C-alpha atoms as a PDB file:
ATOM      1  CA  UNK A   1      77.586  89.260  91.304  1.00  0.00           C
ATOM      2  CA  UNK A   2      78.587  91.642  94.098  1.00  0.00           C
ATOM      3  CA  UNK A   3      76.794  94.989  94.000  1.00  0.00           C
ATOM      4  CA  UNK A   4      78.886  98.182  94.090  1.00  0.00           C
ATOM      5  CA  UNK A   5      79.297  99.786  97.497  1.00  0.00           C
ATOM      6  CA  UNK A   6      79.198 103.200  95.799  1.00  0.00           C
ATOM      7  CA  UNK A   7      77.622 103.879  92.429  1.00  0.00           C
ATOM      8  CA  UNK A   8      77.836 107.399  90.981  1.00  0.00           C
ATOM      9  CA  UNK A   9      75.674 108.044  87.936  1.00  0.00           C
ATOM     10  CA  UNK A  10      75.740 111.178  85.762  1.00  0.00           C
ATOM     11  CA  UNK A  11      76.733 113.404  88.688  1.00  0.00           C
ATOM     12  CA  UNK A  12      76.614 117.112  87.855  1.00  0.00           C
ATOM     13  CA  UNK A  13      77.577 119.916  90.217  1.00  0.00           C
ATOM     14  CA  UNK A  14      77.157 123.432  88.809  1.00  0.00           C
ATOM     15  CA  UNK A  15      77.712 126.629  90.782  1.00  0.00           C
ATOM     16  CA  UNK A  16      75.883 129.807  89.777  1.00  0.00           C
ATOM     17  CA  UNK A  17      78.188 132.818  90.168  1.00  0.00           C
ATOM     18  CA  UNK A  18      78.197 136.455  89.076  1.00  0.00           C
ATOM     19  CA  UNK A  19      80.564 135.512  86.241  1.00  0.00           C
ATOM     20  CA  UNK A  20      78.487 132.584  85.000  1.00  0.00           C
ATOM     21  CA  UNK A  21      77.811 128.909  85.698  1.00  0.00           C
ATOM     22  CA  UNK A  22      80.849 126.957  86.913  1.00  0.00           C
ATOM     23  CA  UNK A  23      80.459 123.388  85.650  1.00  0.00           C
ATOM     24  CA  UNK A  24      82.675 121.855  88.334  1.00  0.00           C
ATOM     25  CA  UNK A  25      81.408 118.296  87.733  1.00  0.00           C
ATOM     26  CA  UNK A  26      79.651 117.624  84.463  1.00  0.00           C
ATOM     27  CA  UNK A  27      78.332 114.088  84.070  1.00  0.00           C
ATOM     28  CA  UNK A  28      80.594 111.797  86.090  1.00  0.00           C
ATOM     29  CA  UNK A  29      79.842 108.079  86.553  1.00  0.00           C
ATOM     30  CA  UNK A  30      81.844 105.360  88.322  1.00  0.00           C
ATOM     31  CA  UNK A  31      81.526 102.426  90.740  1.00  0.00           C
ATOM     32  CA  UNK A  32      83.504 101.429  93.804  1.00  0.00           C
ATOM     33  CA  UNK A  33      83.199  97.792  94.871  1.00  0.00           C
ATOM     34  CA  UNK A  34      83.277  96.658  98.524  1.00  0.00           C
ATOM     35  CA  UNK A  35      86.922  96.544  99.596  1.00  0.00           C
ATOM     36  CA  UNK A  36      88.033  98.052  96.265  1.00  0.00           C
ATOM     37  CA  UNK A  37      90.317 101.006  95.613  1.00  0.00           C
ATOM     38  CA  UNK A  38      89.742 103.731  93.014  1.00  0.00           C
ATOM     39  CA  UNK A  39      92.157 106.510  92.105  1.00  0.00           C
ATOM     40  CA  UNK A  40      90.673 109.778  90.786  1.00  0.00           C
ATOM     41  CA  UNK A  41      93.395 111.704  88.960  1.00  0.00           C
ATOM     42  CA  UNK A  42      93.541 115.135  87.368  1.00  0.00           C
ATOM     43  CA  UNK A  43      95.024 118.617  87.508  1.00  0.00           C
ATOM     44  CA  UNK A  44      93.790 121.250  89.933  1.00  0.00           C
ATOM     45  CA  UNK A  45      90.373 122.436  88.821  1.00  0.00           C
ATOM     46  CA  UNK A  46      89.403 119.167  87.118  1.00  0.00           C
ATOM     47  CA  UNK A  47      86.490 118.616  89.519  1.00  0.00           C
ATOM     48  CA  UNK A  48      87.844 115.575  91.337  1.00  0.00           C
ATOM     49  CA  UNK A  49      87.606 117.048  94.848  1.00  0.00           C
ATOM     50  CA  UNK A  50      84.184 118.647  94.258  1.00  0.00           C
ATOM     51  CA  UNK A  51      82.805 115.285  93.135  1.00  0.00           C
ATOM     52  CA  UNK A  52      83.952 113.616  96.355  1.00  0.00           C
ATOM     53  CA  UNK A  53      82.828 116.485  98.602  1.00  0.00           C
ATOM     54  CA  UNK A  54      79.393 116.141  97.001  1.00  0.00           C
ATOM     55  CA  UNK A  55      79.234 112.497  98.100  1.00  0.00           C
ATOM     56  CA  UNK A  56      79.587 113.753 101.671  1.00  0.00           C
ATOM     57  CA  UNK A  57      76.935 116.442 101.217  1.00  0.00           C
ATOM     58  CA  UNK A  58      79.523 119.206 101.586  1.00  0.00           C
ATOM     59  CA  UNK A  59      78.601 121.189  98.451  1.00  0.00           C
ATOM     60  CA  UNK A  60      74.984 121.957  99.318  1.00  0.00           C
ATOM     61  CA  UNK A  61      75.355 125.696  98.916  1.00  0.00           C
ATOM     62  CA  UNK A  62      72.590 128.068  97.875  1.00  0.00           C
ATOM     63  CA  UNK A  63      74.229 128.631  94.488  1.00  0.00           C
ATOM     64  CA  UNK A  64      74.832 124.913  93.831  1.00  0.00           C
ATOM     65  CA  UNK A  65      72.794 122.916  91.321  1.00  0.00           C
ATOM     66  CA  UNK A  66      73.344 119.189  91.920  1.00  0.00           C
ATOM     67  CA  UNK A  67      71.828 116.346  89.886  1.00  0.00           C
ATOM     68  CA  UNK A  68      72.396 112.663  89.124  1.00  0.00           C
ATOM     69  CA  UNK A  69      72.599 109.740  91.523  1.00  0.00           C
ATOM     70  CA  UNK A  70      75.018 108.822  94.297  1.00  0.00           C
ATOM     71  CA  UNK A  71      74.007 105.376  95.509  1.00  0.00           C
ATOM     72  CA  UNK A  72      75.779 104.259  98.697  1.00  0.00           C
ATOM     73  CA  UNK A  73      74.737 100.758  99.713  1.00  0.00           C
ATOM     74  CA  UNK A  74      71.736 101.233  97.423  1.00  0.00           C
ATOM     75  CA  UNK A  75      70.619 104.544  98.959  1.00  0.00           C
ATOM     76  CA  UNK A  76      70.715 107.813  97.005  1.00  0.00           C
ATOM     77  CA  UNK A  77      72.704 110.291  99.098  1.00  0.00           C
ATOM     78  CA  UNK A  78      71.625 113.211  96.910  1.00  0.00           C
ATOM     79  CA  UNK A  79      68.071 112.679  98.167  1.00  0.00           C
ATOM     80  CA  UNK A  80      69.084 112.272 101.820  1.00  0.00           C
ATOM     81  CA  UNK A  81      68.365 114.987 104.383  1.00  0.00           C
ATOM     82  CA  UNK A  82      71.192 116.787 106.158  1.00  0.00           C
ATOM     83  CA  UNK A  83      70.488 114.763 109.301  1.00  0.00           C
ATOM     84  CA  UNK A  84      70.614 111.480 107.367  1.00  0.00           C
ATOM     85  CA  UNK A  85      73.897 112.544 105.759  1.00  0.00           C
ATOM     86  CA  UNK A  86      75.343 113.396 109.180  1.00  0.00           C
ATOM     87  CA  UNK A  87      74.741 109.788 110.207  1.00  0.00           C
ATOM     88  CA  UNK A  88      76.398 108.509 107.018  1.00  0.00           C
ATOM     89  CA  UNK A  89      79.475 110.697 107.507  1.00  0.00           C
ATOM     90  CA  UNK A  90      81.941 108.971 109.784  1.00  0.00           C
ATOM     91  CA  UNK A  91      79.958 105.758 110.090  1.00  0.00           C
ATOM     92  CA  UNK A  92      79.489 104.880 106.409  1.00  0.00           C
ATOM     93  CA  UNK A  93      81.846 107.251 104.577  1.00  0.00           C
ATOM     94  CA  UNK A  94      84.848 109.049 106.056  1.00  0.00           C
ATOM     95  CA  UNK A  95      87.160 111.572 104.407  1.00  0.00           C
ATOM     96  CA  UNK A  96      90.807 112.515 104.888  1.00  0.00           C
ATOM     97  CA  UNK A  97      91.433 116.101 103.806  1.00  0.00           C
ATOM     98  CA  UNK A  98      94.640 117.236 102.160  1.00  0.00           C
ATOM     99  CA  UNK A  99      95.883 119.647 104.853  1.00  0.00           C
ATOM    100  CA  UNK A 100      95.999 117.913 108.252  1.00  0.00           C
ATOM    101  CA  UNK A 101      97.316 120.985 110.046  1.00  0.00           C
ATOM    102  CA  UNK A 102      94.224 123.036 109.160  1.00  0.00           C
ATOM    103  CA  UNK A 103      91.901 120.050 109.711  1.00  0.00           C
ATOM    104  CA  UNK A 104      93.056 119.564 113.317  1.00  0.00           C
ATOM    105  CA  UNK A 105      92.175 122.224 115.896  1.00  0.00           C
ATOM    106  CA  UNK A 106      95.454 123.739 117.170  1.00  0.00           C
ATOM    107  CA  UNK A 107      94.112 124.444 120.699  1.00  0.00           C
ATOM    108  CA  UNK A 108      92.937 120.902 121.483  1.00  0.00           C
ATOM    109  CA  UNK A 109      95.010 117.817 122.131  1.00  0.00           C
ATOM    110  CA  UNK A 110      94.943 115.106 119.491  1.00  0.00           C
ATOM    111  CA  UNK A 111      93.340 112.665 121.929  1.00  0.00           C
ATOM    112  CA  UNK A 112      90.501 115.053 122.749  1.00  0.00           C
ATOM    113  CA  UNK A 113      89.722 115.477 119.037  1.00  0.00           C
ATOM    114  CA  UNK A 114      89.757 111.726 118.451  1.00  0.00           C
ATOM    115  CA  UNK A 115      87.497 111.167 121.460  1.00  0.00           C
ATOM    116  CA  UNK A 116      85.052 113.766 120.127  1.00  0.00           C
ATOM    117  CA  UNK A 117      84.969 112.065 116.709  1.00  0.00           C
ATOM    118  CA  UNK A 118      84.284 108.680 118.313  1.00  0.00           C
ATOM    119  CA  UNK A 119      81.552 109.943 120.646  1.00  0.00           C
ATOM    120  CA  UNK A 120      79.851 112.005 117.919  1.00  0.00           C
ATOM    121  CA  UNK A 121      78.769 108.811 116.171  1.00  0.00           C
ATOM    122  CA  UNK A 122      78.341 106.358 119.045  1.00  0.00           C
ATOM    123  CA  UNK A 123      77.014 106.136 122.593  1.00  0.00           C
ATOM    124  CA  UNK A 124      80.299 105.513 124.415  1.00  0.00           C
ATOM    125  CA  UNK A 125      81.856 106.905 127.584  1.00  0.00           C
ATOM    126  CA  UNK A 126      84.844 109.229 127.531  1.00  0.00           C
ATOM    127  CA  UNK A 127      86.989 106.512 129.085  1.00  0.00           C
ATOM    128  CA  UNK A 128      86.031 103.939 126.446  1.00  0.00           C
ATOM    129  CA  UNK A 129      86.512 106.509 123.690  1.00  0.00           C
ATOM    130  CA  UNK A 130      89.981 107.350 124.979  1.00  0.00           C
ATOM    131  CA  UNK A 131      90.928 103.664 124.965  1.00  0.00           C
ATOM    132  CA  UNK A 132      89.660 103.412 121.388  1.00  0.00           C
ATOM    133  CA  UNK A 133      91.589 106.566 120.438  1.00  0.00           C
ATOM    134  CA  UNK A 134      94.821 105.056 121.760  1.00  0.00           C
ATOM    135  CA  UNK A 135      94.145 101.875 119.785  1.00  0.00           C
ATOM    136  CA  UNK A 136      93.596 103.926 116.621  1.00  0.00           C
ATOM    137  CA  UNK A 137      96.892 105.773 117.038  1.00  0.00           C
ATOM    138  CA  UNK A 138      98.633 102.418 117.404  1.00  0.00           C
ATOM    139  CA  UNK A 139      96.778 101.116 114.332  1.00  0.00           C
ATOM    140  CA  UNK A 140      98.249 103.901 112.180  1.00  0.00           C
ATOM    141  CA  UNK A 141     101.762 103.255 113.525  1.00  0.00           C
ATOM    142  CA  UNK A 142     102.189 106.308 115.758  1.00  0.00           C
ATOM    143  CA  UNK A 143     104.887 105.356 118.306  1.00  0.00           C
ATOM    144  CA  UNK A 144     104.084 105.459 122.027  1.00  0.00           C
ATOM    145  CA  UNK A 145     100.375 106.183 121.446  1.00  0.00           C
ATOM    146  CA  UNK A 146      99.519 106.257 125.158  1.00  0.00           C
ATOM    147  CA  UNK A 147     101.778 109.290 125.534  1.00  0.00           C
ATOM    148  CA  UNK A 148     101.263 110.959 122.156  1.00  0.00           C
ATOM    149  CA  UNK A 149      97.486 111.005 122.665  1.00  0.00           C
ATOM    150  CA  UNK A 150      98.007 113.999 124.965  1.00  0.00           C
ATOM    151  CA  UNK A 151     100.115 115.959 122.464  1.00  0.00           C
ATOM    152  CA  UNK A 152      98.932 118.956 120.448  1.00  0.00           C
ATOM    153  CA  UNK A 153      98.865 118.880 116.620  1.00  0.00           C
ATOM    154  CA  UNK A 154     101.888 121.184 116.317  1.00  0.00           C
ATOM    155  CA  UNK A 155     103.939 118.620 118.250  1.00  0.00           C
ATOM    156  CA  UNK A 156     103.530 116.115 115.392  1.00  0.00           C
ATOM    157  CA  UNK A 157     105.377 116.096 112.073  1.00  0.00           C
ATOM    158  CA  UNK A 158     103.394 116.476 108.843  1.00  0.00           C
ATOM    159  CA  UNK A 159     103.397 112.740 108.242  1.00  0.00           C
ATOM    160  CA  UNK A 160     102.312 112.007 111.815  1.00  0.00           C
ATOM    161  CA  UNK A 161      99.473 114.549 111.566  1.00  0.00           C
ATOM    162  CA  UNK A 162      98.282 112.799 108.430  1.00  0.00           C
ATOM    163  CA  UNK A 163      98.324 109.516 110.360  1.00  0.00           C
ATOM    164  CA  UNK A 164      96.174 111.160 113.038  1.00  0.00           C
ATOM    165  CA  UNK A 165      93.691 112.212 110.345  1.00  0.00           C
ATOM    166  CA  UNK A 166      93.588 108.642 109.035  1.00  0.00           C
ATOM    167  CA  UNK A 167      92.995 107.387 112.591  1.00  0.00           C
ATOM    168  CA  UNK A 168      90.148 109.891 112.999  1.00  0.00           C
ATOM    169  CA  UNK A 169      88.599 108.811 109.702  1.00  0.00           C
ATOM    170  CA  UNK A 170      88.716 105.168 110.798  1.00  0.00           C
ATOM    171  CA  UNK A 171      87.272 105.903 114.242  1.00  0.00           C
ATOM    172  CA  UNK A 172      83.842 104.474 113.455  1.00  0.00           C
ATOM    173  CA  UNK A 173      84.810 101.701 111.021  1.00  0.00           C
ATOM    174  CA  UNK A 174      83.543 103.309 107.773  1.00  0.00           C
ATOM    175  CA  UNK A 175      82.886 101.126 104.743  1.00  0.00           C
ATOM    176  CA  UNK A 176      84.333 103.777 102.401  1.00  0.00           C
ATOM    177  CA  UNK A 177      87.380 105.998 102.972  1.00  0.00           C
ATOM    178  CA  UNK A 178      87.964 109.021 100.707  1.00  0.00           C
ATOM    179  CA  UNK A 179      91.505 110.431 100.782  1.00  0.00           C
ATOM    180  CA  UNK A 180      91.805 113.861  99.136  1.00  0.00           C
ATOM    181  CA  UNK A 181      95.460 114.461  98.194  1.00  0.00           C
ATOM    182  CA  UNK A 182      96.649 112.533 101.290  1.00  0.00           C
ATOM    183  CA  UNK A 183     100.350 113.066 100.525  1.00  0.00           C
ATOM    184  CA  UNK A 184     100.368 116.783  99.654  1.00  0.00           C
ATOM    185  CA  UNK A 185     103.373 118.666 101.141  1.00  0.00           C
ATOM    186  CA  UNK A 186     104.971 115.439 102.389  1.00  0.00           C
ATOM    187  CA  UNK A 187     108.420 114.327 101.284  1.00  0.00           C
ATOM    188  CA  UNK A 188     108.728 111.290  99.046  1.00  0.00           C
ATOM    189  CA  UNK A 189     109.655 108.848 101.824  1.00  0.00           C
ATOM    190  CA  UNK A 190     106.709 109.892 104.006  1.00  0.00           C
ATOM    191  CA  UNK A 191     104.405 109.798 100.960  1.00  0.00           C
ATOM    192  CA  UNK A 192     105.313 106.158 100.432  1.00  0.00           C
ATOM    193  CA  UNK A 193     104.689 105.385 104.116  1.00  0.00           C
ATOM    194  CA  UNK A 194     101.249 107.024 104.101  1.00  0.00           C
ATOM    195  CA  UNK A 195     100.181 105.242 100.908  1.00  0.00           C
ATOM    196  CA  UNK A 196     101.453 101.899 102.239  1.00  0.00           C
ATOM    197  CA  UNK A 197      99.511 102.534 105.434  1.00  0.00           C
ATOM    198  CA  UNK A 198      96.275 103.229 103.546  1.00  0.00           C
ATOM    199  CA  UNK A 199      96.738 100.078 101.484  1.00  0.00           C
ATOM    200  CA  UNK A 200      97.475  97.976 104.588  1.00  0.00           C
ATOM    201  CA  UNK A 201      94.451  99.303 106.442  1.00  0.00           C
ATOM    202  CA  UNK A 202      92.286  98.655 103.394  1.00  0.00           C
ATOM    203  CA  UNK A 203      93.406  95.025 103.336  1.00  0.00           C
ATOM    204  CA  UNK A 204      93.098  94.534 107.104  1.00  0.00           C
ATOM    205  CA  UNK A 205      89.754  96.304 107.584  1.00  0.00           C
ATOM    206  CA  UNK A 206      88.214  95.535 104.153  1.00  0.00           C
ATOM    207  CA  UNK A 207      87.469  99.230 103.672  1.00  0.00           C
ATOM    208  CA  UNK A 208      86.856 100.562 100.173  1.00  0.00           C
ATOM    209  CA  UNK A 209      89.111 103.506  99.273  1.00  0.00           C
ATOM    210  CA  UNK A 210      88.921 106.457  96.867  1.00  0.00           C
ATOM    211  CA  UNK A 211      92.225 108.331  96.513  1.00  0.00           C
ATOM    212  CA  UNK A 212      92.112 111.775  94.885  1.00  0.00           C
ATOM    213  CA  UNK A 213      95.401 113.038  93.484  1.00  0.00           C
ATOM    214  CA  UNK A 214      96.997 115.059  90.689  1.00  0.00           C
ATOM    215  CA  UNK A 215      99.920 112.611  90.448  1.00  0.00           C
ATOM    216  CA  UNK A 216      99.511 109.248  88.713  1.00  0.00           C
ATOM    217  CA  UNK A 217     102.729 108.097  90.370  1.00  0.00           C
ATOM    218  CA  UNK A 218     101.060 108.374  93.783  1.00  0.00           C
ATOM    219  CA  UNK A 219      98.476 105.703  93.019  1.00  0.00           C
ATOM    220  CA  UNK A 220     100.592 103.334  90.892  1.00  0.00           C
ATOM    221  CA  UNK A 221     100.623 100.575  93.519  1.00  0.00           C
ATOM    222  CA  UNK A 222      97.771 101.740  95.736  1.00  0.00           C
ATOM    223  CA  UNK A 223      94.539 101.393  93.720  1.00  0.00           C
ATOM    224  CA  UNK A 224      92.839  98.837  91.492  1.00  0.00           C
ATOM    225  CA  UNK A 225      91.147 101.205  89.040  1.00  0.00           C
ATOM    226  CA  UNK A 226      91.788 104.762  87.833  1.00  0.00           C
ATOM    227  CA  UNK A 227      89.421 107.492  86.655  1.00  0.00           C
ATOM    228  CA  UNK A 228      91.205 110.363  84.879  1.00  0.00           C
ATOM    229  CA  UNK A 229      89.268 113.639  85.118  1.00  0.00           C
ATOM    230  CA  UNK A 230      89.562 116.726  82.948  1.00  0.00           C
ATOM    231  CA  UNK A 231      87.307 119.815  82.967  1.00  0.00           C
ATOM    232  CA  UNK A 232      84.678 118.203  85.188  1.00  0.00           C
ATOM    233  CA  UNK A 233      84.435 114.946  83.228  1.00  0.00           C
ATOM    234  CA  UNK A 234      86.039 111.524  83.243  1.00  0.00           C
ATOM    235  CA  UNK A 235      88.086 111.190  80.053  1.00  0.00           C
ATOM    236  CA  UNK A 236      89.551 107.737  80.735  1.00  0.00           C
ATOM    237  CA  UNK A 237      88.745 104.910  83.130  1.00  0.00           C
ATOM    238  CA  UNK A 238      90.577 101.584  83.376  1.00  0.00           C
ATOM    239  CA  UNK A 239      92.427  99.156  85.606  1.00  0.00           C
ATOM    240  CA  UNK A 240      95.576 100.767  86.988  1.00  0.00           C
ATOM    241  CA  UNK A 241      97.832  98.371  85.049  1.00  0.00           C
ATOM    242  CA  UNK A 242      96.138  99.339  81.787  1.00  0.00           C
ATOM    243  CA  UNK A 243      96.487 103.048  82.520  1.00  0.00           C
ATOM    244  CA  UNK A 244     100.252 102.657  82.842  1.00  0.00           C
ATOM    245  CA  UNK A 245     100.776 100.038  80.121  1.00  0.00           C
ATOM    246  CA  UNK A 246      98.302 101.105  77.435  1.00  0.00           C
ATOM    247  CA  UNK A 247      96.655 104.503  78.088  1.00  0.00           C
ATOM    248  CA  UNK A 248      94.321 105.713  75.355  1.00  0.00           C
ATOM    249  CA  UNK A 249      93.759 109.429  76.005  1.00  0.00           C
ATOM    250  CA  UNK A 250      96.280 112.179  75.089  1.00  0.00           C
ATOM    251  CA  UNK A 251      95.654 113.858  78.463  1.00  0.00           C
ATOM    252  CA  UNK A 252      96.587 110.648  80.297  1.00  0.00           C
ATOM    253  CA  UNK A 253      99.735 110.479  78.157  1.00  0.00           C
ATOM    254  CA  UNK A 254     100.606 113.982  79.312  1.00  0.00           C
ATOM    255  CA  UNK A 255     100.127 113.077  82.977  1.00  0.00           C
ATOM    256  CA  UNK A 256     102.302 109.983  82.588  1.00  0.00           C
ATOM    257  CA  UNK A 257     105.069 111.821  80.729  1.00  0.00           C
ATOM    258  CA  UNK A 258     105.259 114.429  83.499  1.00  0.00           C
ATOM    259  CA  UNK A 259     106.358 111.746  86.000  1.00  0.00           C
ATOM    260  CA  UNK A 260     110.151 111.372  86.467  1.00  0.00           C
ATOM    261  CA  UNK A 261     111.434 108.058  85.060  1.00  0.00           C
ATOM    262  CA  UNK A 262     114.264 105.903  86.360  1.00  0.00           C
ATOM    263  CA  UNK A 263     115.187 104.674  82.865  1.00  0.00           C
ATOM    264  CA  UNK A 264     116.084 108.183  81.644  1.00  0.00           C
ATOM    265  CA  UNK A 265     119.184 110.267  82.456  1.00  0.00           C
ATOM    266  CA  UNK A 266     118.953 112.264  85.680  1.00  0.00           C
ATOM    267  CA  UNK A 267     119.199 115.548  83.779  1.00  0.00           C
ATOM    268  CA  UNK A 268     116.424 114.633  81.322  1.00  0.00           C
ATOM    269  CA  UNK A 269     113.705 117.283  81.251  1.00  0.00           C
ATOM    270  CA  UNK A 270     110.132 116.495  82.215  1.00  0.00           C
ATOM    271  CA  UNK A 271     107.551 116.919  79.459  1.00  0.00           C
ATOM    272  CA  UNK A 272     104.818 119.320  80.616  1.00  0.00           C
ATOM    273  CA  UNK A 273     101.323 119.366  79.158  1.00  0.00           C
ATOM    274  CA  UNK A 274     101.133 122.515  77.003  1.00  0.00           C
ATOM    275  CA  UNK A 275      98.676 125.263  77.855  1.00  0.00           C
ATOM    276  CA  UNK A 276      96.480 125.402  80.922  1.00  0.00           C
ATOM    277  CA  UNK A 277      93.188 123.834  82.059  1.00  0.00           C
ATOM    278  CA  UNK A 278      90.133 125.584  80.597  1.00  0.00           C
ATOM    279  CA  UNK A 279      87.781 127.854  82.507  1.00  0.00           C
ATOM    280  CA  UNK A 280      84.887 125.804  83.859  1.00  0.00           C
ATOM    281  CA  UNK A 281      82.641 128.782  83.070  1.00  0.00           C
ATOM    282  CA  UNK A 282      83.624 128.994  79.393  1.00  0.00           C
ATOM    283  CA  UNK A 283      84.457 125.462  78.307  1.00  0.00           C
ATOM    284  CA  UNK A 284      85.657 125.054  74.715  1.00  0.00           C
ATOM    285  CA  UNK A 285      83.269 123.392  72.296  1.00  0.00           C
ATOM    286  CA  UNK A 286      83.682 119.752  71.379  1.00  0.00           C
ATOM    287  CA  UNK A 287      86.432 117.933  73.261  1.00  0.00           C
ATOM    288  CA  UNK A 288      87.417 120.117  76.239  1.00  0.00           C
ATOM    289  CA  UNK A 289      91.055 119.018  75.851  1.00  0.00           C
ATOM    290  CA  UNK A 290      91.354 120.049  72.201  1.00  0.00           C
ATOM    291  CA  UNK A 291      93.086 123.444  72.814  1.00  0.00           C
ATOM    292  CA  UNK A 292      95.980 121.569  74.479  1.00  0.00           C
ATOM    293  CA  UNK A 293      95.989 118.422  72.356  1.00  0.00           C
ATOM    294  CA  UNK A 294      98.805 118.085  69.787  1.00  0.00           C
ATOM    295  CA  UNK A 295      96.684 115.619  67.788  1.00  0.00           C
ATOM    296  CA  UNK A 296      93.578 117.778  67.408  1.00  0.00           C
ATOM    297  CA  UNK A 297      91.428 117.495  64.281  1.00  0.00           C
ATOM    298  CA  UNK A 298      88.685 119.857  63.094  1.00  0.00           C
ATOM    299  CA  UNK A 299      85.839 117.668  64.333  1.00  0.00           C
ATOM    300  CA  UNK A 300      87.380 117.565  67.826  1.00  0.00           C
ATOM    301  CA  UNK A 301      86.427 121.243  68.123  1.00  0.00           C
ATOM    302  CA  UNK A 302      82.775 120.468  67.364  1.00  0.00           C
ATOM    303  CA  UNK A 303      81.927 117.008  68.737  1.00  0.00           C
ATOM    304  CA  UNK A 304      82.049 116.111  72.434  1.00  0.00           C
ATOM    305  CA  UNK A 305      83.470 112.567  72.659  1.00  0.00           C
ATOM    306  CA  UNK A 306      81.472 110.017  74.679  1.00  0.00           C
ATOM    307  CA  UNK A 307      83.183 107.757  77.219  1.00  0.00           C
ATOM    308  CA  UNK A 308      83.191 104.575  75.136  1.00  0.00           C
ATOM    309  CA  UNK A 309      84.834 101.162  75.716  1.00  0.00           C
ATOM    310  CA  UNK A 310      88.053 100.501  73.826  1.00  0.00           C
ATOM    311  CA  UNK A 311      88.240  97.467  71.527  1.00  0.00           C
ATOM    312  CA  UNK A 312      88.818  94.123  73.319  1.00  0.00           C
ATOM    313  CA  UNK A 313      88.473  95.612  76.816  1.00  0.00           C
ATOM    314  CA  UNK A 314      84.976  96.754  77.890  1.00  0.00           C
ATOM    315  CA  UNK A 315      86.320  97.746  81.343  1.00  0.00           C
ATOM    316  CA  UNK A 316      88.650 100.285  79.709  1.00  0.00           C
ATOM    317  CA  UNK A 317      86.770 103.398  78.558  1.00  0.00           C
ATOM    318  CA  UNK A 318      88.061 106.542  76.885  1.00  0.00           C
ATOM    319  CA  UNK A 319      86.530 109.813  75.642  1.00  0.00           C
ATOM    320  CA  UNK A 320      88.608 110.471  72.523  1.00  0.00           C
ATOM    321  CA  UNK A 321      87.643 110.831  68.854  1.00  0.00           C
ATOM    322  CA  UNK A 322      90.969 109.546  67.508  1.00  0.00           C
ATOM    323  CA  UNK A 323      90.731 106.072  66.016  1.00  0.00           C
ATOM    324  CA  UNK A 324      91.871 103.273  68.388  1.00  0.00           C
ATOM    325  CA  UNK A 325      94.648 102.224  65.992  1.00  0.00           C
ATOM    326  CA  UNK A 326      95.878 105.822  65.790  1.00  0.00           C
ATOM    327  CA  UNK A 327      95.882 106.208  69.571  1.00  0.00           C
ATOM    328  CA  UNK A 328      97.880 103.034  70.084  1.00  0.00           C
ATOM    329  CA  UNK A 329     100.376 103.962  67.385  1.00  0.00           C
ATOM    330  CA  UNK A 330     100.883 107.413  68.917  1.00  0.00           C
ATOM    331  CA  UNK A 331     101.389 106.010  72.430  1.00  0.00           C
ATOM    332  CA  UNK A 332     103.914 103.448  71.169  1.00  0.00           C
ATOM    333  CA  UNK A 333     105.943 106.335  69.705  1.00  0.00           C
ATOM    334  CA  UNK A 334     105.755 108.362  72.914  1.00  0.00           C
ATOM    335  CA  UNK A 335     106.618 105.756  75.535  1.00  0.00           C
END
């Protein structure tokens, strides 16, 4: 059986602040197979971005307490030195950040920044790096790459800047690509183009992908598996088809019901999730979702639900204390 490319086990990232301990990530586990695609979904503040930044060694602050395992190709990145992580970044794991305009330096041409990214991880000449940079711009479907390589970031549209960031991430042929909200602030048509591009590049280059988003609709046709995060934990994990066809957690139901549907009238109101995400400093006892859950029972306020497999599908796991039959009956009434 093929070993996972990335295996995260009981990852915890806590930040000590003057107000208390922020439990940004609190016991997260998942696998990403070679060439596979995982979507990590949740509201702002759920811990999804912090978990991925930790993989890259970008949360090693003085006030951070990090534990667990992050095995990349069998090697624990949490135990790696900063110099070892620098070699992993770009070559093994690359990341696309959610705001390409702030990620690209406004005073340097796009080509110069691509060349720098290529040469930072390989012994190549400037000429060879420039040729590679032009090839990368063509790979991500930027028209007339030989000319656009000498343009500044502000001369590109938002979608084109995101393509440049994807090209930069792919500069050194990483085995894993992490995309943090890759379609934020893009219109729907450009969103679809960017997601199609990521999927095409994954298929062509056999690169594993982790897409972080707050919108389940974004990853409907882009990933193989989905991990739904809430309050620093994974509350549901399943194949993407199962998440849409037979979700088991009330929070996942809320995320799905907040997506516009084509089978409803155009003036139909969206159904928001009531309340707001909890403070990661003062998490509620028991199930963290219970203050917002319309199906809460007394024991939900006292017992923290484990992430257990659902009946008949060991790949599908959910952290909910409602009985499986009750969950399925409730979802059938909601859909």
